[in-house]
C-alpha atoms as a PDB file:
ATOM      1  CA  MET A   1      -0.135   0.062  -0.066  1.00  0.00           C
ATOM      2  CA  ILE A   2       1.229   3.431  -1.024  1.00  0.00           C
ATOM      3  CA  ALA A   3       1.611   5.822   1.971  1.00  0.00           C
ATOM      4  CA  LEU A   4      -0.725   8.604   1.841  1.00  0.00           C
ATOM      5  CA  PRO A   5      -0.436  11.818   4.127  1.00  0.00           C
ATOM      6  CA  ILE A   6      -3.672  10.840   6.374  1.00  0.00           C
ATOM      7  CA  ASP A   7      -1.853   7.494   6.834  1.00  0.00           C
ATOM      8  CA  PRO A   8      -0.584   9.133  10.249  1.00  0.00           C
ATOM      9  CA  PHE A   9      -3.588  10.529  11.466  1.00  0.00           C
ATOM     10  CA  ILE A  10      -5.755   7.016  11.192  1.00  0.00           C
ATOM     11  CA  GLU A  11      -5.391   5.929  14.899  1.00  0.00           C
ATOM     12  CA  PRO A  12      -6.057   9.640  16.200  1.00  0.00           C
ATOM     13  CA  ILE A  13      -9.051   9.778  14.045  1.00  0.00           C
ATOM     14  CA  ARG A  14     -10.364   6.305  15.154  1.00  0.00           C
ATOM     15  CA  GLU A  15      -9.750   7.656  19.115  1.00  0.00           C
ATOM     16  CA  ALA A  16     -11.865  10.913  18.000  1.00  0.00           C
ATOM     17  CA  VAL A  17     -14.507   8.974  16.676  1.00  0.00           C
ATOM     18  CA  ARG A  18     -14.406   6.351  19.498  1.00  0.00           C
ATOM     19  CA  ARG A  19     -14.745   9.488  22.242  1.00  0.00           C
ATOM     20  CA  SER A  20     -17.326  11.627  20.424  1.00  0.00           C
ATOM     21  CA  ARG A  21     -19.021   9.692  17.735  1.00  0.00           C
ATOM     22  CA  ALA A  22     -18.215  12.519  15.503  1.00  0.00           C
ATOM     23  CA  ALA A  23     -15.397  13.997  13.711  1.00  0.00           C
ATOM     24  CA  VAL A  24     -14.290  16.488  10.974  1.00  0.00           C
ATOM     25  CA  ILE A  25     -11.693  15.911   8.423  1.00  0.00           C
ATOM     26  CA  THR A  26     -10.142  18.343   6.258  1.00  0.00           C
ATOM     27  CA  ALA A  27      -7.043  17.285   4.186  1.00  0.00           C
ATOM     28  CA  ALA A  28      -6.029  17.825   0.881  1.00  0.00           C
ATOM     29  CA  PRO A  29      -7.283  15.955  -1.985  1.00  0.00           C
ATOM     30  CA  GLY A  30      -5.711  12.540  -2.582  1.00  0.00           C
ATOM     31  CA  ALA A  31      -4.478  12.943   0.885  1.00  0.00           C
ATOM     32  CA  GLY A  32      -6.330   9.529   1.922  1.00  0.00           C
ATOM     33  CA  LYS A  33      -9.448  10.748   3.760  1.00  0.00           C
ATOM     34  CA  THR A  34     -11.782   8.993   1.274  1.00  0.00           C
ATOM     35  CA  THR A  35      -9.819   5.812   1.016  1.00  0.00           C
ATOM     36  CA  ARG A  36      -8.219   5.328   4.151  1.00  0.00           C
ATOM     37  CA  VAL A  37     -10.343   6.541   6.752  1.00  0.00           C
ATOM     38  CA  PRO A  38     -13.552   4.513   6.168  1.00  0.00           C
ATOM     39  CA  PRO A  39     -12.155   1.086   6.256  1.00  0.00           C
ATOM     40  CA  ALA A  40     -10.078   2.274   9.168  1.00  0.00           C
ATOM     41  CA  LEU A  41     -13.348   2.597  11.037  1.00  0.00           C
ATOM     42  CA  ILE A  42     -14.769  -0.989  10.624  1.00  0.00           C
ATOM     43  CA  GLU A  43     -13.596  -2.470  13.832  1.00  0.00           C
ATOM     44  CA  ALA A  44     -16.458  -0.372  15.200  1.00  0.00           C
ATOM     45  CA  GLY A  45     -19.158  -2.081  13.162  1.00  0.00           C
ATOM     46  CA  LYS A  46     -20.525  -1.663   9.683  1.00  0.00           C
ATOM     47  CA  VAL A  47     -19.528   1.572   7.958  1.00  0.00           C
ATOM     48  CA  ILE A  48     -21.673   3.179   5.207  1.00  0.00           C
ATOM     49  CA  LEU A  49     -19.912   6.051   2.732  1.00  0.00           C
ATOM     50  CA  LEU A  50     -21.645   8.356   0.909  1.00  0.00           C
ATOM     51  CA  GLN A  51     -20.168   9.559  -2.282  1.00  0.00           C
ATOM     52  CA  PRO A  52     -21.794  11.580  -4.663  1.00  0.00           C
ATOM     53  CA  ARG A  53     -21.265  10.306  -7.614  1.00  0.00           C
ATOM     54  CA  ARG A  54     -21.790   6.815  -9.291  1.00  0.00           C
ATOM     55  CA  VAL A  55     -18.761   6.230 -11.337  1.00  0.00           C
ATOM     56  CA  ALA A  56     -16.801   7.213  -8.214  1.00  0.00           C
ATOM     57  CA  ALA A  57     -19.066   5.190  -5.768  1.00  0.00           C
ATOM     58  CA  ARG A  58     -17.809   2.167  -7.753  1.00  0.00           C
ATOM     59  CA  ALA A  59     -14.321   3.558  -8.300  1.00  0.00           C
ATOM     60  CA  ILE A  60     -13.538   4.040  -4.900  1.00  0.00           C
ATOM     61  CA  ALA A  61     -14.870   0.572  -3.823  1.00  0.00           C
ATOM     62  CA  ALA A  62     -12.959  -1.423  -6.216  1.00  0.00           C
ATOM     63  CA  ARG A  63      -9.741   1.134  -4.969  1.00  0.00           C
ATOM     64  CA  ILE A  64     -10.330   0.510  -0.957  1.00  0.00           C
ATOM     65  CA  ALA A  65     -10.643  -3.398  -1.933  1.00  0.00           C
ATOM     66  CA  ALA A  66      -7.522  -3.691  -3.904  1.00  0.00           C
ATOM     67  CA  GLU A  67      -5.408  -1.553  -1.701  1.00  0.00           C
ATOM     68  CA  ARG A  68      -6.981  -4.114   1.310  1.00  0.00           C
ATOM     69  CA  GLY A  69      -6.717  -7.218  -0.453  1.00  0.00           C
ATOM     70  CA  TRP A  70     -10.139  -7.758   0.248  1.00  0.00           C
ATOM     71  CA  THR A  71     -12.923  -8.968  -2.446  1.00  0.00           C
ATOM     72  CA  LEU A  72     -15.081  -6.256  -4.259  1.00  0.00           C
ATOM     73  CA  GLY A  73     -18.485  -7.234  -3.324  1.00  0.00           C
ATOM     74  CA  ARG A  74     -17.593  -9.133   0.328  1.00  0.00           C
ATOM     75  CA  GLU A  75     -15.860  -6.804   2.578  1.00  0.00           C
ATOM     76  CA  VAL A  76     -16.729  -4.009   0.455  1.00  0.00           C
ATOM     77  CA  GLY A  77     -18.953  -2.932  -1.891  1.00  0.00           C
ATOM     78  CA  TRP A  78     -21.186  -0.271  -3.689  1.00  0.00           C
ATOM     79  CA  GLN A  79     -24.627   0.594  -4.083  1.00  0.00           C
ATOM     80  CA  ILE A  80     -25.901   2.920  -6.705  1.00  0.00           C
ATOM     81  CA  ARG A  81     -29.618   3.814  -8.663  1.00  0.00           C
ATOM     82  CA  LEU A  82     -30.444   0.303 -10.319  1.00  0.00           C
ATOM     83  CA  ASP A  83     -27.089  -1.421  -9.636  1.00  0.00           C
ATOM     84  CA  ARG A  84     -25.587  -3.045  -6.525  1.00  0.00           C
ATOM     85  CA  LYS A  85     -22.626  -5.249  -5.766  1.00  0.00           C
ATOM     86  CA  PHE A  86     -22.680  -6.018  -2.023  1.00  0.00           C
ATOM     87  CA  THR A  87     -23.580  -9.132   0.476  1.00  0.00           C
ATOM     88  CA  ALA A  88     -25.093  -9.230   4.041  1.00  0.00           C
ATOM     89  CA  ASP A  89     -21.165  -9.569   5.142  1.00  0.00           C
ATOM     90  CA  THR A  90     -20.150  -6.299   3.565  1.00  0.00           C
ATOM     91  CA  ARG A  91     -18.444  -3.973   6.291  1.00  0.00           C
ATOM     92  CA  LEU A  92     -17.929  -1.024   4.213  1.00  0.00           C
ATOM     93  CA  LEU A  93     -20.588   0.158   1.861  1.00  0.00           C
ATOM     94  CA  VAL A  94     -20.384   2.910  -0.529  1.00  0.00           C
ATOM     95  CA  VAL A  95     -23.546   4.723  -1.904  1.00  0.00           C
ATOM     96  CA  THR A  96     -24.894   7.531  -3.500  1.00  0.00           C
ATOM     97  CA  GLU A  97     -27.018  10.074  -1.833  1.00  0.00           C
ATOM     98  CA  GLY A  98     -30.086   8.830  -3.435  1.00  0.00           C
ATOM     99  CA  ILE A  99     -29.547   5.251  -2.011  1.00  0.00           C
ATOM    100  CA  LEU A 100     -28.669   6.984   1.698  1.00  0.00           C
ATOM    101  CA  THR A 101     -31.956   9.083   1.361  1.00  0.00           C
ATOM    102  CA  ALA A 102     -33.953   6.128   0.621  1.00  0.00           C
ATOM    103  CA  ARG A 103     -32.218   3.766   3.247  1.00  0.00           C
ATOM    104  CA  LEU A 104     -32.707   6.987   5.853  1.00  0.00           C
ATOM    105  CA  GLN A 105     -36.525   7.001   4.774  1.00  0.00           C
ATOM    106  CA  SER A 106     -36.919   3.535   5.447  1.00  0.00           C
ATOM    107  CA  ASP A 107     -34.707   3.462   8.414  1.00  0.00           C
ATOM    108  CA  PRO A 108     -33.635   6.711  10.193  1.00  0.00           C
ATOM    109  CA  LEU A 109     -31.314   5.733  12.292  1.00  0.00           C
ATOM    110  CA  LEU A 110     -29.155   3.594   9.769  1.00  0.00           C
ATOM    111  CA  SER A 111     -29.428   1.127  12.448  1.00  0.00           C
ATOM    112  CA  GLU A 112     -27.374  -1.571  10.605  1.00  0.00           C
ATOM    113  CA  PHE A 113     -24.477   0.590  10.339  1.00  0.00           C
ATOM    114  CA  ALA A 114     -22.194   2.200  13.281  1.00  0.00           C
ATOM    115  CA  THR A 115     -20.566   4.641  11.284  1.00  0.00           C
ATOM    116  CA  ILE A 116     -21.415   7.255   8.630  1.00  0.00           C
ATOM    117  CA  VAL A 117     -19.080   8.941   6.305  1.00  0.00           C
END
């Protein structure tokens, strides 16, 4: 895995989320906010990651799977309008705004997920 600028901050981010249940992370584009932080948070339970664009949602899920040596559709998956690739065992789900909105309407607490990114 290629080192990214956010890597030294992963443990402090985990701790901040554990402590306060919320954290705001700011970093330059390409620092690793999207591909490194969400996988680091799955130890607390399932993570849902919002990605506004459909193509990007699929690409991010594939990138995370490749970096972690995970199987796309198993440990990490994606769901977009009219298409999806995940199972009940998926720990990190990348979704678009429409999917997140639909999930919120059916379950306002998103009780299946421990963390929302």
